[in-house]
Amino acid sequence: MTSLTRTDHLALAQLTAHTTLPVLSRVAVRVAWLCLLWHRRSRSRAVLRDLDTRMLRDIGLTPKQAHVESRKWFWRP
């Protein structure tokens, strides 16, 4: 459901591409980015879990699809 978009990949690449950043800083940026991604997945799946059938139909999902997606662990794309 939520994964890195093309813009996300470009932003992450720009942040970590600077050779002036020490290696540990580049690792820290990647870890922070991953934590934000996991948080975003967790929040969006929690919201998805609370949507009613009409709202799910509006976004093109069946209740079964929403249930399967909302049950995924936050680290799973």
PDB file of N, CA and C in Angstrom:
ATOM      1  N   MET A   1       0.823  -1.181   0.000  1.00  0.00           N
ATOM      2  CA  MET A   1       0.000   0.000   0.000  1.00  0.00           C
ATOM      3  C   MET A   1       0.867   1.246   0.000  1.00  0.00           C
ATOM      4  N   THR A   2       1.662   1.403   1.017  1.00  0.00           N
ATOM      5  CA  THR A   2       2.553   2.548   1.030  1.00  0.00           C
ATOM      6  C   THR A   2       3.966   2.066   0.846  1.00  0.00           C
ATOM      7  N   SER A   3       4.612   2.639  -0.085  1.00  0.00           N
ATOM      8  CA  SER A   3       6.008   2.316  -0.305  1.00  0.00           C
ATOM      9  C   SER A   3       6.695   3.592  -0.763  1.00  0.00           C
ATOM     10  N   LEU A   4       7.970   3.495  -0.973  1.00  0.00           N
ATOM     11  CA  LEU A   4       8.700   4.676  -1.421  1.00  0.00           C
ATOM     12  C   LEU A   4       8.270   5.051  -2.828  1.00  0.00           C
ATOM     13  N   THR A   5       7.917   6.301  -3.010  1.00  0.00           N
ATOM     14  CA  THR A   5       7.569   6.791  -4.332  1.00  0.00           C
ATOM     15  C   THR A   5       8.850   7.193  -5.056  1.00  0.00           C
ATOM     16  N   ARG A   6       8.709   7.543  -6.291  1.00  0.00           N
ATOM     17  CA  ARG A   6       9.874   7.984  -7.060  1.00  0.00           C
ATOM     18  C   ARG A   6      10.489   9.227  -6.422  1.00  0.00           C
ATOM     19  N   THR A   7       9.640  10.124  -5.947  1.00  0.00           N
ATOM     20  CA  THR A   7      10.115  11.332  -5.282  1.00  0.00           C
ATOM     21  C   THR A   7      10.868  10.973  -3.998  1.00  0.00           C
ATOM     22  N   ASP A   8      10.339   9.996  -3.254  1.00  0.00           N
ATOM     23  CA  ASP A   8      11.012   9.547  -2.030  1.00  0.00           C
ATOM     24  C   ASP A   8      12.400   9.005  -2.343  1.00  0.00           C
ATOM     25  N   HIS A   9      12.489   8.189  -3.388  1.00  0.00           N
ATOM     26  CA  HIS A   9      13.784   7.627  -3.765  1.00  0.00           C
ATOM     27  C   HIS A   9      14.772   8.723  -4.166  1.00  0.00           C
ATOM     28  N   LEU A  10      14.284   9.708  -4.914  1.00  0.00           N
ATOM     29  CA  LEU A  10      15.152  10.804  -5.334  1.00  0.00           C
ATOM     30  C   LEU A  10      15.632  11.622  -4.136  1.00  0.00           C
ATOM     31  N   ALA A  11      14.727  11.893  -3.209  1.00  0.00           N
ATOM     32  CA  ALA A  11      15.098  12.664  -2.018  1.00  0.00           C
ATOM     33  C   ALA A  11      16.111  11.899  -1.179  1.00  0.00           C
ATOM     34  N   LEU A  12      15.895  10.614  -1.003  1.00  0.00           N
ATOM     35  CA  LEU A  12      16.829   9.800  -0.235  1.00  0.00           C
ATOM     36  C   LEU A  12      18.185   9.736  -0.929  1.00  0.00           C
ATOM     37  N   ALA A  13      18.178   9.596  -2.232  1.00  0.00           N
ATOM     38  CA  ALA A  13      19.431   9.558  -2.974  1.00  0.00           C
ATOM     39  C   ALA A  13      20.199  10.878  -2.838  1.00  0.00           C
ATOM     40  N   GLN A  14      19.473  11.991  -2.882  1.00  0.00           N
ATOM     41  CA  GLN A  14      20.118  13.288  -2.730  1.00  0.00           C
ATOM     42  C   GLN A  14      20.698  13.468  -1.335  1.00  0.00           C
ATOM     43  N   LEU A  15      19.971  13.014  -0.334  1.00  0.00           N
ATOM     44  CA  LEU A  15      20.449  13.150   1.046  1.00  0.00           C
ATOM     45  C   LEU A  15      21.709  12.338   1.300  1.00  0.00           C
ATOM     46  N   THR A  16      21.780  11.163   0.715  1.00  0.00           N
ATOM     47  CA  THR A  16      22.904  10.272   1.000  1.00  0.00           C
ATOM     48  C   THR A  16      24.020  10.381  -0.037  1.00  0.00           C
ATOM     49  N   ALA A  17      23.815  11.140  -1.094  1.00  0.00           N
ATOM     50  CA  ALA A  17      24.805  11.220  -2.162  1.00  0.00           C
ATOM     51  C   ALA A  17      25.948  12.176  -1.851  1.00  0.00           C
ATOM     52  N   HIS A  18      25.744  13.069  -0.936  1.00  0.00           N
ATOM     53  CA  HIS A  18      26.789  14.044  -0.638  1.00  0.00           C
ATOM     54  C   HIS A  18      28.002  13.336  -0.056  1.00  0.00           C
ATOM     55  N   THR A  19      29.125  13.502  -0.711  1.00  0.00           N
ATOM     56  CA  THR A  19      30.340  12.849  -0.237  1.00  0.00           C
ATOM     57  C   THR A  19      30.910  13.554   0.991  1.00  0.00           C
ATOM     58  N   THR A  20      30.396  14.741   1.294  1.00  0.00           N
ATOM     59  CA  THR A  20      30.887  15.444   2.471  1.00  0.00           C
ATOM     60  C   THR A  20      30.307  14.869   3.753  1.00  0.00           C
ATOM     61  N   LEU A  21      29.226  14.093   3.625  1.00  0.00           N
ATOM     62  CA  LEU A  21      28.646  13.474   4.809  1.00  0.00           C
ATOM     63  C   LEU A  21      29.490  12.269   5.231  1.00  0.00           C
ATOM     64  N   PRO A  22      29.787  12.161   6.496  1.00  0.00           N
ATOM     65  CA  PRO A  22      30.494  10.972   6.964  1.00  0.00           C
ATOM     66  C   PRO A  22      29.612   9.732   6.791  1.00  0.00           C
ATOM     67  N   VAL A  23      30.225   8.597   6.745  1.00  0.00           N
ATOM     68  CA  VAL A  23      29.511   7.343   6.528  1.00  0.00           C
ATOM     69  C   VAL A  23      28.430   7.144   7.588  1.00  0.00           C
ATOM     70  N   LEU A  24      28.771   7.417   8.832  1.00  0.00           N
ATOM     71  CA  LEU A  24      27.808   7.238   9.907  1.00  0.00           C
ATOM     72  C   LEU A  24      26.590   8.143   9.722  1.00  0.00           C
ATOM     73  N   SER A  25      26.801   9.336   9.204  1.00  0.00           N
ATOM     74  CA  SER A  25      25.681  10.249   8.945  1.00  0.00           C
ATOM     75  C   SER A  25      24.789   9.716   7.843  1.00  0.00           C
ATOM     76  N   ARG A  26      25.399   9.157   6.804  1.00  0.00           N
ATOM     77  CA  ARG A  26      24.601   8.577   5.723  1.00  0.00           C
ATOM     78  C   ARG A  26      23.776   7.406   6.231  1.00  0.00           C
ATOM     79  N   VAL A  27      24.357   6.603   7.100  1.00  0.00           N
ATOM     80  CA  VAL A  27      23.624   5.479   7.695  1.00  0.00           C
ATOM     81  C   VAL A  27      22.474   6.013   8.555  1.00  0.00           C
ATOM     82  N   ALA A  28      22.741   7.052   9.330  1.00  0.00           N
ATOM     83  CA  ALA A  28      21.707   7.636  10.182  1.00  0.00           C
ATOM     84  C   ALA A  28      20.543   8.179   9.354  1.00  0.00           C
ATOM     85  N   VAL A  29      20.850   8.796   8.216  1.00  0.00           N
ATOM     86  CA  VAL A  29      19.799   9.316   7.338  1.00  0.00           C
ATOM     87  C   VAL A  29      18.947   8.166   6.818  1.00  0.00           C
ATOM     88  N   ARG A  30      19.589   7.092   6.411  1.00  0.00           N
ATOM     89  CA  ARG A  30      18.837   5.940   5.901  1.00  0.00           C
ATOM     90  C   ARG A  30      17.974   5.309   6.994  1.00  0.00           C
ATOM     91  N   VAL A  31      18.485   5.201   8.191  1.00  0.00           N
ATOM     92  CA  VAL A  31      17.717   4.637   9.308  1.00  0.00           C
ATOM     93  C   VAL A  31      16.527   5.535   9.632  1.00  0.00           C
ATOM     94  N   ALA A  32      16.739   6.830   9.669  1.00  0.00           N
ATOM     95  CA  ALA A  32      15.645   7.770   9.938  1.00  0.00           C
ATOM     96  C   ALA A  32      14.584   7.674   8.851  1.00  0.00           C
ATOM     97  N   TRP A  33      15.014   7.576   7.604  1.00  0.00           N
ATOM     98  CA  TRP A  33      14.089   7.471   6.486  1.00  0.00           C
ATOM     99  C   TRP A  33      13.263   6.191   6.599  1.00  0.00           C
ATOM    100  N   LEU A  34      13.916   5.103   6.958  1.00  0.00           N
ATOM    101  CA  LEU A  34      13.226   3.835   7.104  1.00  0.00           C
ATOM    102  C   LEU A  34      12.206   3.894   8.242  1.00  0.00           C
ATOM    103  N   CYS A  35      12.561   4.534   9.339  1.00  0.00           N
ATOM    104  CA  CYS A  35      11.626   4.693  10.459  1.00  0.00           C
ATOM    105  C   CYS A  35      10.404   5.501  10.035  1.00  0.00           C
ATOM    106  N   LEU A  36      10.615   6.551   9.259  1.00  0.00           N
ATOM    107  CA  LEU A  36       9.491   7.349   8.767  1.00  0.00           C
ATOM    108  C   LEU A  36       8.599   6.544   7.832  1.00  0.00           C
ATOM    109  N   LEU A  37       9.202   5.746   6.973  1.00  0.00           N
ATOM    110  CA  LEU A  37       8.438   4.899   6.063  1.00  0.00           C
ATOM    111  C   LEU A  37       7.595   3.904   6.844  1.00  0.00           C
ATOM    112  N   TRP A  38       8.195   3.259   7.831  1.00  0.00           N
ATOM    113  CA  TRP A  38       7.467   2.294   8.651  1.00  0.00           C
ATOM    114  C   TRP A  38       6.331   2.961   9.410  1.00  0.00           C
ATOM    115  N   HIS A  39       6.567   4.157   9.924  1.00  0.00           N
ATOM    116  CA  HIS A  39       5.523   4.886  10.642  1.00  0.00           C
ATOM    117  C   HIS A  39       4.369   5.229   9.703  1.00  0.00           C
ATOM    118  N   ARG A  40       4.694   5.663   8.500  1.00  0.00           N
ATOM    119  CA  ARG A  40       3.664   6.018   7.525  1.00  0.00           C
ATOM    120  C   ARG A  40       2.827   4.795   7.154  1.00  0.00           C
ATOM    121  N   ARG A  41       3.487   3.650   6.961  1.00  0.00           N
ATOM    122  CA  ARG A  41       2.746   2.419   6.655  1.00  0.00           C
ATOM    123  C   ARG A  41       1.821   2.039   7.807  1.00  0.00           C
ATOM    124  N   SER A  42       2.346   2.110   9.009  1.00  0.00           N
ATOM    125  CA  SER A  42       1.564   1.733  10.176  1.00  0.00           C
ATOM    126  C   SER A  42       0.324   2.615  10.316  1.00  0.00           C
ATOM    127  N   ARG A  43       0.504   3.920  10.170  1.00  0.00           N
ATOM    128  CA  ARG A  43      -0.625   4.852  10.292  1.00  0.00           C
ATOM    129  C   ARG A  43      -1.648   4.660   9.176  1.00  0.00           C
ATOM    130  N   SER A  44      -1.195   4.493   7.940  1.00  0.00           N
ATOM    131  CA  SER A  44      -2.142   4.346   6.835  1.00  0.00           C
ATOM    132  C   SER A  44      -2.911   3.035   6.942  1.00  0.00           C
ATOM    133  N   ARG A  45      -2.266   1.989   7.433  1.00  0.00           N
ATOM    134  CA  ARG A  45      -2.974   0.717   7.614  1.00  0.00           C
ATOM    135  C   ARG A  45      -3.968   0.793   8.755  1.00  0.00           C
ATOM    136  N   ALA A  46      -3.662   1.565   9.780  1.00  0.00           N
ATOM    137  CA  ALA A  46      -4.608   1.755  10.880  1.00  0.00           C
ATOM    138  C   ALA A  46      -5.839   2.518  10.396  1.00  0.00           C
ATOM    139  N   VAL A  47      -5.635   3.519   9.570  1.00  0.00           N
ATOM    140  CA  VAL A  47      -6.754   4.275   9.015  1.00  0.00           C
ATOM    141  C   VAL A  47      -7.577   3.378   8.092  1.00  0.00           C
ATOM    142  N   LEU A  48      -6.905   2.583   7.280  1.00  0.00           N
ATOM    143  CA  LEU A  48      -7.589   1.675   6.372  1.00  0.00           C
ATOM    144  C   LEU A  48      -8.481   0.697   7.138  1.00  0.00           C
ATOM    145  N   ARG A  49      -8.007   0.249   8.261  1.00  0.00           N
ATOM    146  CA  ARG A  49      -8.764  -0.691   9.091  1.00  0.00           C
ATOM    147  C   ARG A  49     -10.085  -0.078   9.563  1.00  0.00           C
ATOM    148  N   ASP A  50     -10.134   1.237   9.733  1.00  0.00           N
ATOM    149  CA  ASP A  50     -11.325   1.909  10.264  1.00  0.00           C
ATOM    150  C   ASP A  50     -12.298   2.401   9.191  1.00  0.00           C
ATOM    151  N   LEU A  51     -11.980   2.231   7.918  1.00  0.00           N
ATOM    152  CA  LEU A  51     -12.875   2.707   6.866  1.00  0.00           C
ATOM    153  C   LEU A  51     -14.079   1.792   6.716  1.00  0.00           C
ATOM    154  N   ASP A  52     -15.231   2.389   6.425  1.00  0.00           N
ATOM    155  CA  ASP A  52     -16.419   1.567   6.207  1.00  0.00           C
ATOM    156  C   ASP A  52     -16.476   1.103   4.748  1.00  0.00           C
ATOM    157  N   THR A  53     -17.457   0.252   4.445  1.00  0.00           N
ATOM    158  CA  THR A  53     -17.552  -0.364   3.119  1.00  0.00           C
ATOM    159  C   THR A  53     -17.694   0.676   2.013  1.00  0.00           C
ATOM    160  N   ARG A  54     -18.475   1.720   2.251  1.00  0.00           N
ATOM    161  CA  ARG A  54     -18.673   2.761   1.236  1.00  0.00           C
ATOM    162  C   ARG A  54     -17.362   3.474   0.916  1.00  0.00           C
ATOM    163  N   MET A  55     -16.610   3.804   1.958  1.00  0.00           N
ATOM    164  CA  MET A  55     -15.333   4.482   1.739  1.00  0.00           C
ATOM    165  C   MET A  55     -14.337   3.568   1.033  1.00  0.00           C
ATOM    166  N   LEU A  56     -14.342   2.296   1.391  1.00  0.00           N
ATOM    167  CA  LEU A  56     -13.453   1.347   0.713  1.00  0.00           C
ATOM    168  C   LEU A  56     -13.804   1.244  -0.771  1.00  0.00           C
ATOM    169  N   ARG A  57     -15.100   1.213  -1.070  1.00  0.00           N
ATOM    170  CA  ARG A  57     -15.530   1.157  -2.461  1.00  0.00           C
ATOM    171  C   ARG A  57     -15.052   2.404  -3.214  1.00  0.00           C
ATOM    172  N   ASP A  58     -15.070   3.562  -2.552  1.00  0.00           N
ATOM    173  CA  ASP A  58     -14.619   4.807  -3.182  1.00  0.00           C
ATOM    174  C   ASP A  58     -13.145   4.737  -3.587  1.00  0.00           C
ATOM    175  N   ILE A  59     -12.329   4.031  -2.816  1.00  0.00           N
ATOM    176  CA  ILE A  59     -10.907   3.938  -3.155  1.00  0.00           C
ATOM    177  C   ILE A  59     -10.583   2.659  -3.928  1.00  0.00           C
ATOM    178  N   GLY A  60     -11.624   1.883  -4.262  1.00  0.00           N
ATOM    179  CA  GLY A  60     -11.437   0.718  -5.120  1.00  0.00           C
ATOM    180  C   GLY A  60     -10.972  -0.539  -4.406  1.00  0.00           C
ATOM    181  N   LEU A  61     -11.300  -0.672  -3.129  1.00  0.00           N
ATOM    182  CA  LEU A  61     -10.914  -1.866  -2.381  1.00  0.00           C
ATOM    183  C   LEU A  61     -12.144  -2.576  -1.844  1.00  0.00           C
ATOM    184  N   THR A  62     -12.057  -3.889  -1.750  1.00  0.00           N
ATOM    185  CA  THR A  62     -13.100  -4.658  -1.090  1.00  0.00           C
ATOM    186  C   THR A  62     -12.756  -4.731   0.397  1.00  0.00           C
ATOM    187  N   PRO A  63     -13.736  -5.025   1.231  1.00  0.00           N
ATOM    188  CA  PRO A  63     -13.431  -5.181   2.658  1.00  0.00           C
ATOM    189  C   PRO A  63     -12.378  -6.269   2.911  1.00  0.00           C
ATOM    190  N   LYS A  64     -12.402  -7.335   2.133  1.00  0.00           N
ATOM    191  CA  LYS A  64     -11.407  -8.398   2.297  1.00  0.00           C
ATOM    192  C   LYS A  64     -10.000  -7.894   1.963  1.00  0.00           C
ATOM    193  N   GLN A  65      -9.858  -7.139   0.863  1.00  0.00           N
ATOM    194  CA  GLN A  65      -8.559  -6.579   0.497  1.00  0.00           C
ATOM    195  C   GLN A  65      -8.059  -5.625   1.583  1.00  0.00           C
ATOM    196  N   ALA A  66      -8.955  -4.806   2.103  1.00  0.00           N
ATOM    197  CA  ALA A  66      -8.574  -3.864   3.157  1.00  0.00           C
ATOM    198  C   ALA A  66      -8.137  -4.610   4.410  1.00  0.00           C
ATOM    199  N   HIS A  67      -8.855  -5.680   4.737  1.00  0.00           N
ATOM    200  CA  HIS A  67      -8.499  -6.467   5.918  1.00  0.00           C
ATOM    201  C   HIS A  67      -7.116  -7.092   5.758  1.00  0.00           C
ATOM    202  N   VAL A  68      -6.844  -7.658   4.593  1.00  0.00           N
ATOM    203  CA  VAL A  68      -5.536  -8.278   4.335  1.00  0.00           C
ATOM    204  C   VAL A  68      -4.432  -7.229   4.436  1.00  0.00           C
ATOM    205  N   GLU A  69      -4.639  -6.072   3.831  1.00  0.00           N
ATOM    206  CA  GLU A  69      -3.623  -5.012   3.854  1.00  0.00           C
ATOM    207  C   GLU A  69      -3.416  -4.475   5.265  1.00  0.00           C
ATOM    208  N   SER A  70      -4.488  -4.289   6.004  1.00  0.00           N
ATOM    209  CA  SER A  70      -4.360  -3.708   7.339  1.00  0.00           C
ATOM    210  C   SER A  70      -3.733  -4.667   8.345  1.00  0.00           C
ATOM    211  N   ARG A  71      -3.709  -5.956   8.041  1.00  0.00           N
ATOM    212  CA  ARG A  71      -3.116  -6.945   8.934  1.00  0.00           C
ATOM    213  C   ARG A  71      -1.608  -7.121   8.705  1.00  0.00           C
ATOM    214  N   LYS A  72      -1.071  -6.506   7.661  1.00  0.00           N
ATOM    215  CA  LYS A  72       0.361  -6.635   7.378  1.00  0.00           C
ATOM    216  C   LYS A  72       1.182  -5.921   8.443  1.00  0.00           C
ATOM    217  N   TRP A  73       2.347  -6.462   8.707  1.00  0.00           N
ATOM    218  CA  TRP A  73       3.294  -5.790   9.615  1.00  0.00           C
ATOM    219  C   TRP A  73       3.826  -4.535   8.943  1.00  0.00           C
ATOM    220  N   PHE A  74       4.237  -3.578   9.740  1.00  0.00           N
ATOM    221  CA  PHE A  74       4.663  -2.283   9.212  1.00  0.00           C
ATOM    222  C   PHE A  74       5.885  -2.372   8.294  1.00  0.00           C
ATOM    223  N   TRP A  75       6.706  -3.363   8.424  1.00  0.00           N
ATOM    224  CA  TRP A  75       7.905  -3.460   7.587  1.00  0.00           C
ATOM    225  C   TRP A  75       7.621  -4.143   6.253  1.00  0.00           C
ATOM    226  N   ARG A  76       6.421  -4.684   6.081  1.00  0.00           N
ATOM    227  CA  ARG A  76       6.064  -5.360   4.838  1.00  0.00           C
ATOM    228  C   ARG A  76       5.487  -4.360   3.837  1.00  0.00           C
ATOM    229  N   PRO A  77       6.022  -4.329   2.630  1.00  0.00           N
ATOM    230  CA  PRO A  77       5.460  -3.406   1.616  1.00  0.00           C
ATOM    231  C   PRO A  77       4.065  -3.821   1.162  1.00  0.00           C
TER     232      PRO A  77
END
